[in-house]
Amino acid sequence: MPRLNPQDLTSALISALEPNTVSPVSAPNGVVFDILLAEDNTVSQALAVKILEKYGHTVEITENGSLAVEAFKARVQVNKPFDIILMDVSMPFMGGMEATQLIRAYEIHEGLLPTPIIALTAHAMIGDRERCLQAGMDDHITKPLRRGELLNSINNLAGWRAQLAQQHLHHRPPAFMTT
């Protein structure tokens, strides 16, 4: 059996998982998002980036949870936070569960609205989704990634966050309101 190089494998997976006959799933009103992808597998990275960039989203990749937390904090500090985080559950150095807990603690400490975090996992075991949600993640998608499922989750969570932001603006104490 011939050996496949990573580029051939990536192309084969993308071709298999992204049939051109499927009608596109798009964000409402053509909205695009700034997405942090925490994923150590290069094939999964390539597949996610291909899907997301096809719909105009921008993607920053980190290879582990520790780097994801650093990237998240760095973007918040320059007032350009990510709209969505896609977080692999199993990564070297720091996994997605621990990284999510650190991001949630930082958001609370800084008084930030929660950034939607979608768990990406190869596990489809009973209880995996619940563990991800308990860690502070907002949704759970099993790999290999499927375009429709990924984009629907992103669009639903981004809509939820926009509603949360509107409520937050309308419920601020009077001291925060401008005159």
Protein backbone atom coordinates (compact mmCIF):
# COMPACT_ATOMS: atom_id res chain seq x y z
CA MET A 1 0.00 0.00 0.00
CA PRO A 2 1.47 3.42 -0.95
CA ARG A 3 2.16 5.95 1.78
CA LEU A 4 0.25 9.23 1.77
CA ASN A 5 1.99 12.45 2.65
CA PRO A 6 0.13 14.86 4.97
CA GLN A 7 -0.96 17.15 2.10
CA ASP A 8 -2.46 14.23 0.16
CA LEU A 9 -4.22 12.99 3.27
CA THR A 10 -5.59 16.44 4.00
CA SER A 11 -6.84 16.83 0.43
CA ALA A 12 -8.46 13.41 0.51
CA LEU A 13 -10.21 14.13 3.81
CA ILE A 14 -11.42 17.52 2.66
CA SER A 15 -12.73 16.04 -0.57
CA ALA A 16 -14.49 13.24 1.28
CA LEU A 17 -16.00 15.44 3.96
CA GLU A 18 -16.83 18.51 1.88
CA PRO A 19 -18.94 17.43 -1.07
CA ASN A 20 -19.68 20.32 -3.43
CA THR A 21 -23.28 19.20 -3.83
CA VAL A 22 -24.28 20.22 -0.30
CA SER A 23 -25.93 23.59 -0.12
CA PRO A 24 -23.82 26.05 1.84
CA VAL A 25 -24.56 26.96 5.41
CA SER A 26 -23.95 30.64 5.91
CA ALA A 27 -24.02 33.08 8.76
CA PRO A 28 -27.02 35.37 8.99
CA ASN A 29 -26.59 38.49 6.84
CA GLY A 30 -23.13 37.34 5.70
CA VAL A 31 -21.63 37.97 9.15
CA VAL A 32 -18.08 36.71 9.51
CA PHE A 33 -16.29 35.82 12.71
CA ASP A 34 -12.80 35.97 14.16
CA ILE A 35 -12.15 32.43 15.40
CA LEU A 36 -9.49 30.90 17.63
CA LEU A 37 -8.82 27.26 16.75
CA ALA A 38 -7.00 25.30 19.45
CA GLU A 39 -6.09 22.03 17.72
CA ASP A 40 -2.87 20.01 17.69
CA ASN A 41 -3.69 17.75 14.71
CA THR A 42 -2.56 19.30 11.42
CA VAL A 43 -5.18 17.44 9.37
CA SER A 44 -7.98 18.68 11.64
CA GLN A 45 -6.48 22.18 11.51
CA ALA A 46 -6.44 22.15 7.71
CA LEU A 47 -10.00 20.86 7.48
CA ALA A 48 -11.35 23.44 9.94
CA VAL A 49 -9.50 26.32 8.27
CA LYS A 50 -10.71 25.25 4.81
CA ILE A 51 -14.34 25.15 5.99
CA LEU A 52 -14.18 28.40 7.94
CA GLU A 53 -12.23 30.50 5.46
CA LYS A 54 -14.57 29.38 2.66
CA TYR A 55 -17.29 31.37 4.48
CA GLY A 56 -15.09 34.40 5.11
CA HIS A 57 -14.17 33.70 8.73
CA THR A 58 -10.65 34.44 9.95
CA VAL A 59 -8.86 31.76 11.93
CA GLU A 60 -5.92 31.89 14.32
CA ILE A 61 -4.46 28.49 15.20
CA THR A 62 -2.81 27.39 18.44
CA GLU A 63 -1.48 23.87 19.01
CA ASN A 64 -2.37 23.44 22.69
CA GLY A 65 -4.55 24.79 25.47
CA SER A 66 -1.82 26.88 27.07
CA LEU A 67 -1.18 28.75 23.82
CA ALA A 68 -4.94 29.16 23.35
CA VAL A 69 -5.28 30.86 26.76
CA GLU A 70 -2.34 33.15 25.90
CA ALA A 71 -3.83 34.04 22.50
CA PHE A 72 -7.24 34.70 24.08
CA LYS A 73 -5.78 37.03 26.72
CA ALA A 74 -3.57 38.83 24.19
CA ARG A 75 -6.55 39.58 21.95
CA VAL A 76 -8.66 40.82 24.89
CA GLN A 77 -5.82 43.13 25.97
CA VAL A 78 -5.78 44.84 22.55
CA ASN A 79 -9.60 45.04 22.55
CA LYS A 80 -9.98 42.59 19.63
CA PRO A 81 -11.42 39.51 21.31
CA PHE A 82 -12.25 36.37 19.37
CA ASP A 83 -15.91 35.85 18.47
CA ILE A 84 -15.73 32.06 18.86
CA ILE A 85 -13.22 29.53 20.19
CA LEU A 86 -13.00 26.01 18.77
CA MET A 87 -11.24 23.94 21.44
CA ASP A 88 -9.89 20.44 20.96
CA VAL A 89 -10.41 18.49 24.16
CA SER A 90 -7.22 16.37 23.98
CA MET A 91 -4.03 18.36 23.31
CA PRO A 92 -0.47 18.16 24.63
CA PHE A 93 0.75 20.39 27.50
CA MET A 94 -2.77 21.56 28.37
CA GLY A 95 -6.04 20.08 27.20
CA GLY A 96 -9.17 21.91 26.18
CA MET A 97 -11.06 21.39 29.44
CA GLU A 98 -8.36 23.06 31.55
CA ALA A 99 -7.86 25.84 28.98
CA THR A 100 -11.61 26.53 28.97
CA GLN A 101 -11.69 26.76 32.76
CA LEU A 102 -8.80 29.26 32.69
CA ILE A 103 -10.51 31.34 29.99
CA ARG A 104 -13.78 31.37 31.96
CA ALA A 105 -11.95 32.42 35.14
CA TYR A 106 -10.22 35.24 33.22
CA GLU A 107 -13.54 36.42 31.75
CA ILE A 108 -15.10 36.55 35.22
CA HIS A 109 -12.07 38.34 36.69
CA GLU A 110 -12.10 40.94 33.89
CA GLY A 111 -15.90 41.31 33.81
CA LEU A 112 -16.12 40.09 30.21
CA LEU A 113 -19.05 38.47 28.47
CA PRO A 114 -18.37 34.78 27.89
CA THR A 115 -16.86 33.92 24.52
CA PRO A 116 -18.61 30.91 22.97
CA ILE A 117 -16.37 27.84 23.18
CA ILE A 118 -17.11 24.77 21.09
CA ALA A 119 -15.48 21.50 22.13
CA LEU A 120 -13.93 19.48 19.34
CA THR A 121 -13.37 15.86 20.21
CA ALA A 122 -12.85 12.49 18.62
CA HIS A 123 -14.79 11.01 21.55
CA ALA A 124 -18.45 10.25 21.16
CA MET A 125 -18.82 8.46 24.46
CA ILE A 126 -21.78 8.86 26.77
CA GLY A 127 -21.04 11.69 29.16
CA ASP A 128 -18.42 13.45 27.01
CA ARG A 129 -20.77 16.26 26.05
CA GLU A 130 -21.79 16.77 29.68
CA ARG A 131 -18.14 16.90 30.81
CA CYS A 132 -17.41 19.54 28.17
CA LEU A 133 -20.40 21.64 29.23
CA GLN A 134 -19.44 21.31 32.91
CA ALA A 135 -15.94 22.58 32.06
CA GLY A 136 -17.54 25.75 30.66
CA MET A 137 -17.81 24.89 26.97
CA ASP A 138 -21.01 25.85 25.16
CA ASP A 139 -21.30 23.10 22.58
CA HIS A 140 -19.68 19.81 21.61
CA ILE A 141 -18.83 18.58 18.11
CA THR A 142 -17.25 15.23 17.32
CA LYS A 143 -14.46 14.89 14.77
CA PRO A 144 -14.03 14.54 11.93
CA LEU A 145 -15.63 17.93 11.49
CA ARG A 146 -18.70 18.22 9.32
CA ARG A 147 -19.31 21.56 7.66
CA GLY A 148 -23.01 21.91 8.44
CA GLU A 149 -22.68 20.92 12.09
CA LEU A 150 -19.68 23.22 12.64
CA LEU A 151 -21.20 26.26 10.93
CA ASN A 152 -24.60 25.81 12.57
CA SER A 153 -23.01 25.62 16.00
CA ILE A 154 -20.93 28.74 15.33
CA ASN A 155 -23.92 30.69 14.00
CA ASN A 156 -26.19 29.64 16.89
CA LEU A 157 -23.63 30.53 19.56
CA ALA A 158 -22.68 33.82 17.91
CA GLY A 159 -26.38 34.75 17.83
CA TRP A 160 -26.68 33.83 21.50
CA ARG A 161 -23.66 35.99 22.36
CA ALA A 162 -25.04 38.95 20.40
CA GLN A 163 -28.30 38.71 22.37
CA LEU A 164 -26.33 38.49 25.62
CA ALA A 165 -24.32 41.58 24.66
CA GLN A 166 -27.52 43.53 23.92
CA GLN A 167 -29.00 42.54 27.29
CA HIS A 168 -25.75 43.50 29.00
CA LEU A 169 -25.83 46.97 27.41
CA HIS A 170 -29.46 47.55 28.39
CA HIS A 171 -29.00 46.34 31.98
CA ARG A 172 -25.92 48.32 32.94
CA PRO A 173 -26.17 50.44 36.07
CA PRO A 174 -26.78 54.17 35.41
CA ALA A 175 -23.16 55.04 36.32
CA PHE A 176 -22.03 53.29 33.14
CA MET A 177 -24.47 55.06 30.86
CA THR A 178 -23.25 58.00 28.85
CA THR A 179 -25.24 61.21 28.89
